[in-house]
Amino acid sequence: MKNYTFRVIIEPDPPVGFHGFVPLLKGVHTCGKTIEEVKKNLREAIKCHLQGLIKDKKDIPHEEEAFELVQVFSQKDLSFSK
C-alpha cells in the first residue's frame, strides 16, 4: 500500500483564525478558528482532492526534491543606509 505525504502550511489569518494550504495541490486551501480545526479541514480537503484525481485517472503529484527554507531579515538588513 502506497503512502502519500504532502507539505502543508498554516498561517495566522486575523481576525478569522488560521489559513492552511498545500503548495503542491493547487486550490487546496481552508481556514478555521484554531490550528486543530485547520488541520482537520486540510485532511478532508486533501482527501477529496486526491479522490478527484483518482476518479479522473490523473496522477497524484508528489514532491521528489522538496526544499523548504525560511528567510529571516533584521531591520538592519532592510536599512537603506550603510
PDB file of N, CA and C in Angstrom:
ATOM      1  N   MET A   1       0.854  -1.181   0.000  1.00  0.00           N
ATOM      2  CA  MET A   1       0.000   0.000   0.000  1.00  0.00           C
ATOM      3  C   MET A   1       0.897   1.240   0.000  1.00  0.00           C
ATOM      4  N   LYS A   2       0.629   2.154  -0.892  1.00  0.00           N
ATOM      5  CA  LYS A   2       1.434   3.367  -1.043  1.00  0.00           C
ATOM      6  C   LYS A   2       0.917   4.478  -0.126  1.00  0.00           C
ATOM      7  N   ASN A   3       1.847   5.210   0.451  1.00  0.00           N
ATOM      8  CA  ASN A   3       1.501   6.372   1.263  1.00  0.00           C
ATOM      9  C   ASN A   3       1.864   7.641   0.500  1.00  0.00           C
ATOM     10  N   TYR A   4       1.097   8.680   0.715  1.00  0.00           N
ATOM     11  CA  TYR A   4       1.349   9.973   0.089  1.00  0.00           C
ATOM     12  C   TYR A   4       1.579  11.003   1.197  1.00  0.00           C
ATOM     13  N   THR A   5       2.596  11.807   1.023  1.00  0.00           N
ATOM     14  CA  THR A   5       2.940  12.822   2.008  1.00  0.00           C
ATOM     15  C   THR A   5       2.913  14.183   1.336  1.00  0.00           C
ATOM     16  N   PHE A   6       2.278  15.145   2.006  1.00  0.00           N
ATOM     17  CA  PHE A   6       2.188  16.497   1.463  1.00  0.00           C
ATOM     18  C   PHE A   6       2.584  17.517   2.527  1.00  0.00           C
ATOM     19  N   ARG A   7       3.327  18.502   2.092  1.00  0.00           N
ATOM     20  CA  ARG A   7       3.703  19.613   2.967  1.00  0.00           C
ATOM     21  C   ARG A   7       2.505  20.549   3.058  1.00  0.00           C
ATOM     22  N   VAL A   8       2.142  20.926   4.273  1.00  0.00           N
ATOM     23  CA  VAL A   8       1.056  21.885   4.470  1.00  0.00           C
ATOM     24  C   VAL A   8       1.603  23.096   5.218  1.00  0.00           C
ATOM     25  N   ILE A   9       1.001  24.224   4.952  1.00  0.00           N
ATOM     26  CA  ILE A   9       1.390  25.464   5.631  1.00  0.00           C
ATOM     27  C   ILE A   9       0.145  26.033   6.293  1.00  0.00           C
ATOM     28  N   ILE A  10       0.297  26.374   7.558  1.00  0.00           N
ATOM     29  CA  ILE A  10      -0.787  27.002   8.314  1.00  0.00           C
ATOM     30  C   ILE A  10      -0.265  28.329   8.832  1.00  0.00           C
ATOM     31  N   GLU A  11      -1.006  29.395   8.524  1.00  0.00           N
ATOM     32  CA  GLU A  11      -0.595  30.747   8.891  1.00  0.00           C
ATOM     33  C   GLU A  11      -1.705  31.432   9.678  1.00  0.00           C
ATOM     34  N   PRO A  12      -1.335  32.356  10.568  1.00  0.00           N
ATOM     35  CA  PRO A  12      -2.363  33.159  11.237  1.00  0.00           C
ATOM     36  C   PRO A  12      -3.134  33.964  10.191  1.00  0.00           C
ATOM     37  N   ASP A  13      -4.424  34.108  10.396  1.00  0.00           N
ATOM     38  CA  ASP A  13      -5.273  34.864   9.474  1.00  0.00           C
ATOM     39  C   ASP A  13      -6.271  35.689  10.282  1.00  0.00           C
ATOM     40  N   PRO A  14      -5.770  36.756  10.940  1.00  0.00           N
ATOM     41  CA  PRO A  14      -6.668  37.565  11.766  1.00  0.00           C
ATOM     42  C   PRO A  14      -7.717  38.268  10.916  1.00  0.00           C
ATOM     43  N   PRO A  15      -8.893  38.500  11.349  1.00  0.00           N
ATOM     44  CA  PRO A  15      -9.416  38.115  12.667  1.00  0.00           C
ATOM     45  C   PRO A  15     -10.072  36.743  12.663  1.00  0.00           C
ATOM     46  N   VAL A  16     -10.048  36.027  11.521  1.00  0.00           N
ATOM     47  CA  VAL A  16     -10.740  34.744  11.400  1.00  0.00           C
ATOM     48  C   VAL A  16     -10.113  33.676  12.280  1.00  0.00           C
ATOM     49  N   GLY A  17      -8.800  33.536  12.253  1.00  0.00           N
ATOM     50  CA  GLY A  17      -8.100  32.496  12.985  1.00  0.00           C
ATOM     51  C   GLY A  17      -6.868  32.067  12.225  1.00  0.00           C
ATOM     52  N   PHE A  18      -7.008  31.027  11.379  1.00  0.00           N
ATOM     53  CA  PHE A  18      -5.869  30.490  10.650  1.00  0.00           C
ATOM     54  C   PHE A  18      -6.273  30.071   9.238  1.00  0.00           C
ATOM     55  N   HIS A  19      -5.291  30.131   8.337  1.00  0.00           N
ATOM     56  CA  HIS A  19      -5.474  29.730   6.938  1.00  0.00           C
ATOM     57  C   HIS A  19      -4.459  28.637   6.656  1.00  0.00           C
ATOM     58  N   GLY A  20      -4.887  27.560   6.007  1.00  0.00           N
ATOM     59  CA  GLY A  20      -3.978  26.484   5.658  1.00  0.00           C
ATOM     60  C   GLY A  20      -4.074  26.145   4.184  1.00  0.00           C
ATOM     61  N   PHE A  21      -2.941  25.710   3.616  1.00  0.00           N
ATOM     62  CA  PHE A  21      -2.946  25.324   2.214  1.00  0.00           C
ATOM     63  C   PHE A  21      -1.851  24.300   1.946  1.00  0.00           C
ATOM     64  N   VAL A  22      -1.952  23.661   0.788  1.00  0.00           N
ATOM     65  CA  VAL A  22      -0.992  22.649   0.357  1.00  0.00           C
ATOM     66  C   VAL A  22      -0.360  23.166  -0.936  1.00  0.00           C
ATOM     67  N   PRO A  23       0.895  23.618  -0.895  1.00  0.00           N
ATOM     68  CA  PRO A  23       1.510  24.212  -2.082  1.00  0.00           C
ATOM     69  C   PRO A  23       1.483  23.321  -3.317  1.00  0.00           C
ATOM     70  N   LEU A  24       1.642  22.027  -3.153  1.00  0.00           N
ATOM     71  CA  LEU A  24       1.697  21.120  -4.294  1.00  0.00           C
ATOM     72  C   LEU A  24       0.326  20.875  -4.927  1.00  0.00           C
ATOM     73  N   LEU A  25      -0.728  21.024  -4.140  1.00  0.00           N
ATOM     74  CA  LEU A  25      -2.083  20.755  -4.640  1.00  0.00           C
ATOM     75  C   LEU A  25      -2.808  22.083  -4.840  1.00  0.00           C
ATOM     76  N   LYS A  26      -2.721  22.596  -6.020  1.00  0.00           N
ATOM     77  CA  LYS A  26      -3.313  23.900  -6.331  1.00  0.00           C
ATOM     78  C   LYS A  26      -4.804  23.913  -6.007  1.00  0.00           C
ATOM     79  N   GLY A  27      -5.220  24.929  -5.286  1.00  0.00           N
ATOM     80  CA  GLY A  27      -6.628  25.083  -4.949  1.00  0.00           C
ATOM     81  C   GLY A  27      -7.021  24.468  -3.615  1.00  0.00           C
ATOM     82  N   VAL A  28      -6.092  23.758  -2.970  1.00  0.00           N
ATOM     83  CA  VAL A  28      -6.416  23.165  -1.666  1.00  0.00           C
ATOM     84  C   VAL A  28      -6.064  24.179  -0.574  1.00  0.00           C
ATOM     85  N   HIS A  29      -7.102  24.906  -0.160  1.00  0.00           N
ATOM     86  CA  HIS A  29      -6.994  25.927   0.881  1.00  0.00           C
ATOM     87  C   HIS A  29      -8.152  25.740   1.852  1.00  0.00           C
ATOM     88  N   THR A  30      -7.945  26.101   3.102  1.00  0.00           N
ATOM     89  CA  THR A  30      -9.031  26.073   4.075  1.00  0.00           C
ATOM     90  C   THR A  30      -8.708  27.045   5.197  1.00  0.00           C
ATOM     91  N   CYS A  31      -9.675  27.270   6.045  1.00  0.00           N
ATOM     92  CA  CYS A  31      -9.449  28.143   7.190  1.00  0.00           C
ATOM     93  C   CYS A  31     -10.180  27.570   8.402  1.00  0.00           C
ATOM     94  N   GLY A  32      -9.896  28.134   9.546  1.00  0.00           N
ATOM     95  CA  GLY A  32     -10.554  27.707  10.766  1.00  0.00           C
ATOM     96  C   GLY A  32     -10.184  28.616  11.917  1.00  0.00           C
ATOM     97  N   LYS A  33     -10.900  28.482  13.003  1.00  0.00           N
ATOM     98  CA  LYS A  33     -10.646  29.316  14.179  1.00  0.00           C
ATOM     99  C   LYS A  33      -9.404  28.865  14.946  1.00  0.00           C
ATOM    100  N   THR A  34      -9.078  27.561  14.858  1.00  0.00           N
ATOM    101  CA  THR A  34      -7.914  27.021  15.561  1.00  0.00           C
ATOM    102  C   THR A  34      -7.039  26.248  14.591  1.00  0.00           C
ATOM    103  N   ILE A  35      -5.790  26.006  15.006  1.00  0.00           N
ATOM    104  CA  ILE A  35      -4.883  25.208  14.184  1.00  0.00           C
ATOM    105  C   ILE A  35      -5.434  23.799  14.022  1.00  0.00           C
ATOM    106  N   GLU A  36      -5.969  23.234  15.090  1.00  0.00           N
ATOM    107  CA  GLU A  36      -6.536  21.881  15.018  1.00  0.00           C
ATOM    108  C   GLU A  36      -7.677  21.809  14.011  1.00  0.00           C
ATOM    109  N   GLU A  37      -8.517  22.834  13.990  1.00  0.00           N
ATOM    110  CA  GLU A  37      -9.621  22.864  13.024  1.00  0.00           C
ATOM    111  C   GLU A  37      -9.085  22.919  11.593  1.00  0.00           C
ATOM    112  N   VAL A  38      -8.049  23.723  11.372  1.00  0.00           N
ATOM    113  CA  VAL A  38      -7.458  23.833  10.038  1.00  0.00           C
ATOM    114  C   VAL A  38      -6.816  22.506   9.635  1.00  0.00           C
ATOM    115  N   LYS A  39      -6.133  21.849  10.562  1.00  0.00           N
ATOM    116  CA  LYS A  39      -5.530  20.551  10.258  1.00  0.00           C
ATOM    117  C   LYS A  39      -6.598  19.538   9.846  1.00  0.00           C
ATOM    118  N   LYS A  40      -7.697  19.516  10.563  1.00  0.00           N
ATOM    119  CA  LYS A  40      -8.802  18.607  10.243  1.00  0.00           C
ATOM    120  C   LYS A  40      -9.384  18.943   8.865  1.00  0.00           C
ATOM    121  N   ASN A  41      -9.610  20.236   8.626  1.00  0.00           N
ATOM    122  CA  ASN A  41     -10.165  20.673   7.342  1.00  0.00           C
ATOM    123  C   ASN A  41      -9.219  20.360   6.186  1.00  0.00           C
ATOM    124  N   LEU A  42      -7.918  20.542   6.412  1.00  0.00           N
ATOM    125  CA  LEU A  42      -6.939  20.252   5.363  1.00  0.00           C
ATOM    126  C   LEU A  42      -6.931  18.765   5.028  1.00  0.00           C
ATOM    127  N   ARG A  43      -6.999  17.938   6.037  1.00  0.00           N
ATOM    128  CA  ARG A  43      -7.002  16.492   5.785  1.00  0.00           C
ATOM    129  C   ARG A  43      -8.193  16.107   4.898  1.00  0.00           C
ATOM    130  N   GLU A  44      -9.348  16.667   5.214  1.00  0.00           N
ATOM    131  CA  GLU A  44     -10.558  16.399   4.424  1.00  0.00           C
ATOM    132  C   GLU A  44     -10.410  16.949   2.996  1.00  0.00           C
ATOM    133  N   ALA A  45      -9.863  18.168   2.880  1.00  0.00           N
ATOM    134  CA  ALA A  45      -9.701  18.785   1.553  1.00  0.00           C
ATOM    135  C   ALA A  45      -8.696  18.019   0.697  1.00  0.00           C
ATOM    136  N   ILE A  46      -7.602  17.561   1.311  1.00  0.00           N
ATOM    137  CA  ILE A  46      -6.598  16.785   0.578  1.00  0.00           C
ATOM    138  C   ILE A  46      -7.210  15.484   0.092  1.00  0.00           C
ATOM    139  N   LYS A  47      -7.908  14.787   0.986  1.00  0.00           N
ATOM    140  CA  LYS A  47      -8.537  13.513   0.628  1.00  0.00           C
ATOM    141  C   LYS A  47      -9.496  13.701  -0.548  1.00  0.00           C
ATOM    142  N   CYS A  48     -10.328  14.715  -0.486  1.00  0.00           N
ATOM    143  CA  CYS A  48     -11.303  14.993  -1.546  1.00  0.00           C
ATOM    144  C   CYS A  48     -10.586  15.294  -2.865  1.00  0.00           C
ATOM    145  N   HIS A  49      -9.541  16.095  -2.797  1.00  0.00           N
ATOM    146  CA  HIS A  49      -8.777  16.460  -3.992  1.00  0.00           C
ATOM    147  C   HIS A  49      -8.153  15.220  -4.627  1.00  0.00           C
ATOM    148  N   LEU A  50      -7.542  14.367  -3.799  1.00  0.00           N
ATOM    149  CA  LEU A  50      -6.886  13.164  -4.315  1.00  0.00           C
ATOM    150  C   LEU A  50      -7.895  12.187  -4.901  1.00  0.00           C
ATOM    151  N   GLN A  51      -9.041  12.057  -4.240  1.00  0.00           N
ATOM    152  CA  GLN A  51     -10.087  11.177  -4.774  1.00  0.00           C
ATOM    153  C   GLN A  51     -10.559  11.674  -6.144  1.00  0.00           C
ATOM    154  N   GLY A  52     -10.632  12.976  -6.302  1.00  0.00           N
ATOM    155  CA  GLY A  52     -11.000  13.551  -7.595  1.00  0.00           C
ATOM    156  C   GLY A  52      -9.966  13.232  -8.663  1.00  0.00           C
ATOM    157  N   LEU A  53      -8.680  13.325  -8.311  1.00  0.00           N
ATOM    158  CA  LEU A  53      -7.621  12.991  -9.269  1.00  0.00           C
ATOM    159  C   LEU A  53      -7.712  11.523  -9.671  1.00  0.00           C
ATOM    160  N   ILE A  54      -7.929  10.652  -8.683  1.00  0.00           N
ATOM    161  CA  ILE A  54      -8.039   9.214  -8.969  1.00  0.00           C
ATOM    162  C   ILE A  54      -9.235   8.941  -9.873  1.00  0.00           C
ATOM    163  N   LYS A  55     -10.366   9.563  -9.553  1.00  0.00           N
ATOM    164  CA  LYS A  55     -11.576   9.374 -10.357  1.00  0.00           C
ATOM    165  C   LYS A  55     -11.359   9.817 -11.798  1.00  0.00           C
ATOM    166  N   ASP A  56     -10.621  10.916 -11.955  1.00  0.00           N
ATOM    167  CA  ASP A  56     -10.342  11.444 -13.298  1.00  0.00           C
ATOM    168  C   ASP A  56      -9.150  10.770 -13.964  1.00  0.00           C
ATOM    169  N   LYS A  57      -8.615   9.736 -13.299  1.00  0.00           N
ATOM    170  CA  LYS A  57      -7.476   8.975 -13.815  1.00  0.00           C
ATOM    171  C   LYS A  57      -6.250   9.852 -14.064  1.00  0.00           C
ATOM    172  N   LYS A  58      -6.019  10.791 -13.141  1.00  0.00           N
ATOM    173  CA  LYS A  58      -4.854  11.664 -13.219  1.00  0.00           C
ATOM    174  C   LYS A  58      -3.831  11.234 -12.164  1.00  0.00           C
ATOM    175  N   ASP A  59      -2.592  11.539 -12.428  1.00  0.00           N
ATOM    176  CA  ASP A  59      -1.529  11.195 -11.488  1.00  0.00           C
ATOM    177  C   ASP A  59      -1.623  12.040 -10.225  1.00  0.00           C
ATOM    178  N   ILE A  60      -1.283  11.418  -9.113  1.00  0.00           N
ATOM    179  CA  ILE A  60      -1.208  12.150  -7.853  1.00  0.00           C
ATOM    180  C   ILE A  60       0.196  12.745  -7.776  1.00  0.00           C
ATOM    181  N   PRO A  61       0.309  14.061  -7.653  1.00  0.00           N
ATOM    182  CA  PRO A  61       1.631  14.686  -7.618  1.00  0.00           C
ATOM    183  C   PRO A  61       2.362  14.343  -6.316  1.00  0.00           C
ATOM    184  N   HIS A  62       3.678  14.392  -6.396  1.00  0.00           N
ATOM    185  CA  HIS A  62       4.475  14.181  -5.193  1.00  0.00           C
ATOM    186  C   HIS A  62       5.722  15.054  -5.281  1.00  0.00           C
ATOM    187  N   GLU A  63       6.242  15.373  -4.121  1.00  0.00           N
ATOM    188  CA  GLU A  63       7.412  16.240  -4.060  1.00  0.00           C
ATOM    189  C   GLU A  63       8.665  15.374  -4.025  1.00  0.00           C
ATOM    190  N   GLU A  64       9.363  15.325  -5.141  1.00  0.00           N
ATOM    191  CA  GLU A  64      10.557  14.488  -5.220  1.00  0.00           C
ATOM    192  C   GLU A  64      11.749  15.141  -4.545  1.00  0.00           C
ATOM    193  N   GLU A  65      11.964  16.380  -4.836  1.00  0.00           N
ATOM    194  CA  GLU A  65      13.127  17.068  -4.293  1.00  0.00           C
ATOM    195  C   GLU A  65      12.697  18.357  -3.605  1.00  0.00           C
ATOM    196  N   ALA A  66      11.789  18.215  -2.668  1.00  0.00           N
ATOM    197  CA  ALA A  66      11.286  19.391  -1.969  1.00  0.00           C
ATOM    198  C   ALA A  66      12.390  20.030  -1.132  1.00  0.00           C
ATOM    199  N   PHE A  67      12.392  21.316  -1.132  1.00  0.00           N
ATOM    200  CA  PHE A  67      13.339  22.077  -0.325  1.00  0.00           C
ATOM    201  C   PHE A  67      12.569  23.200   0.334  1.00  0.00           C
ATOM    202  N   GLU A  68      12.690  23.296   1.623  1.00  0.00           N
ATOM    203  CA  GLU A  68      11.973  24.343   2.342  1.00  0.00           C
ATOM    204  C   GLU A  68      12.981  25.193   3.084  1.00  0.00           C
ATOM    205  N   LEU A  69      12.778  26.489   3.026  1.00  0.00           N
ATOM    206  CA  LEU A  69      13.700  27.430   3.634  1.00  0.00           C
ATOM    207  C   LEU A  69      12.908  28.595   4.205  1.00  0.00           C
ATOM    208  N   VAL A  70      13.295  29.032   5.368  1.00  0.00           N
ATOM    209  CA  VAL A  70      12.701  30.228   5.957  1.00  0.00           C
ATOM    210  C   VAL A  70      13.791  31.288   5.988  1.00  0.00           C
ATOM    211  N   GLN A  71      13.540  32.403   5.350  1.00  0.00           N
ATOM    212  CA  GLN A  71      14.489  33.512   5.323  1.00  0.00           C
ATOM    213  C   GLN A  71      14.158  34.491   6.441  1.00  0.00           C
ATOM    214  N   VAL A  72      15.175  34.948   7.155  1.00  0.00           N
ATOM    215  CA  VAL A  72      14.988  35.912   8.241  1.00  0.00           C
ATOM    216  C   VAL A  72      15.771  37.171   7.902  1.00  0.00           C
ATOM    217  N   PHE A  73      15.121  38.317   8.052  1.00  0.00           N
ATOM    218  CA  PHE A  73      15.754  39.608   7.806  1.00  0.00           C
ATOM    219  C   PHE A  73      15.629  40.478   9.047  1.00  0.00           C
ATOM    220  N   SER A  74      16.709  41.107   9.437  1.00  0.00           N
ATOM    221  CA  SER A  74      16.669  42.051  10.548  1.00  0.00           C
ATOM    222  C   SER A  74      16.344  43.439  10.003  1.00  0.00           C
ATOM    223  N   GLN A  75      16.021  44.353  10.891  1.00  0.00           N
ATOM    224  CA  GLN A  75      15.782  45.735  10.453  1.00  0.00           C
ATOM    225  C   GLN A  75      17.044  46.298   9.812  1.00  0.00           C
ATOM    226  N   LYS A  76      18.203  45.901  10.336  1.00  0.00           N
ATOM    227  CA  LYS A  76      19.473  46.366   9.773  1.00  0.00           C
ATOM    228  C   LYS A  76      19.625  45.871   8.327  1.00  0.00           C
ATOM    229  N   ASP A  77      19.241  44.623   8.076  1.00  0.00           N
ATOM    230  CA  ASP A  77      19.322  44.075   6.713  1.00  0.00           C
ATOM    231  C   ASP A  77      18.471  44.886   5.740  1.00  0.00           C
ATOM    232  N   LEU A  78      17.368  45.450   6.217  1.00  0.00           N
ATOM    233  CA  LEU A  78      16.448  46.159   5.350  1.00  0.00           C
ATOM    234  C   LEU A  78      16.705  47.658   5.266  1.00  0.00           C
ATOM    235  N   SER A  79      17.672  48.113   6.009  1.00  0.00           N
ATOM    236  CA  SER A  79      18.019  49.542   6.043  1.00  0.00           C
ATOM    237  C   SER A  79      18.674  49.947   4.726  1.00  0.00           C
ATOM    238  N   PHE A  80      18.346  51.154   4.256  1.00  0.00           N
ATOM    239  CA  PHE A  80      18.959  51.676   3.033  1.00  0.00           C
ATOM    240  C   PHE A  80      20.317  52.301   3.327  1.00  0.00           C
ATOM    241  N   SER A  81      20.554  52.682   4.568  1.00  0.00           N
ATOM    242  CA  SER A  81      21.837  53.306   4.923  1.00  0.00           C
ATOM    243  C   SER A  81      22.844  52.219   5.283  1.00  0.00           C
ATOM    244  N   LYS A  82      24.104  52.527   5.022  1.00  0.00           N
ATOM    245  CA  LYS A  82      25.157  51.540   5.329  1.00  0.00           C
ATOM    246  C   LYS A  82      26.081  52.031   6.357  1.00  0.00           C
TER     247      LYS A  82
END
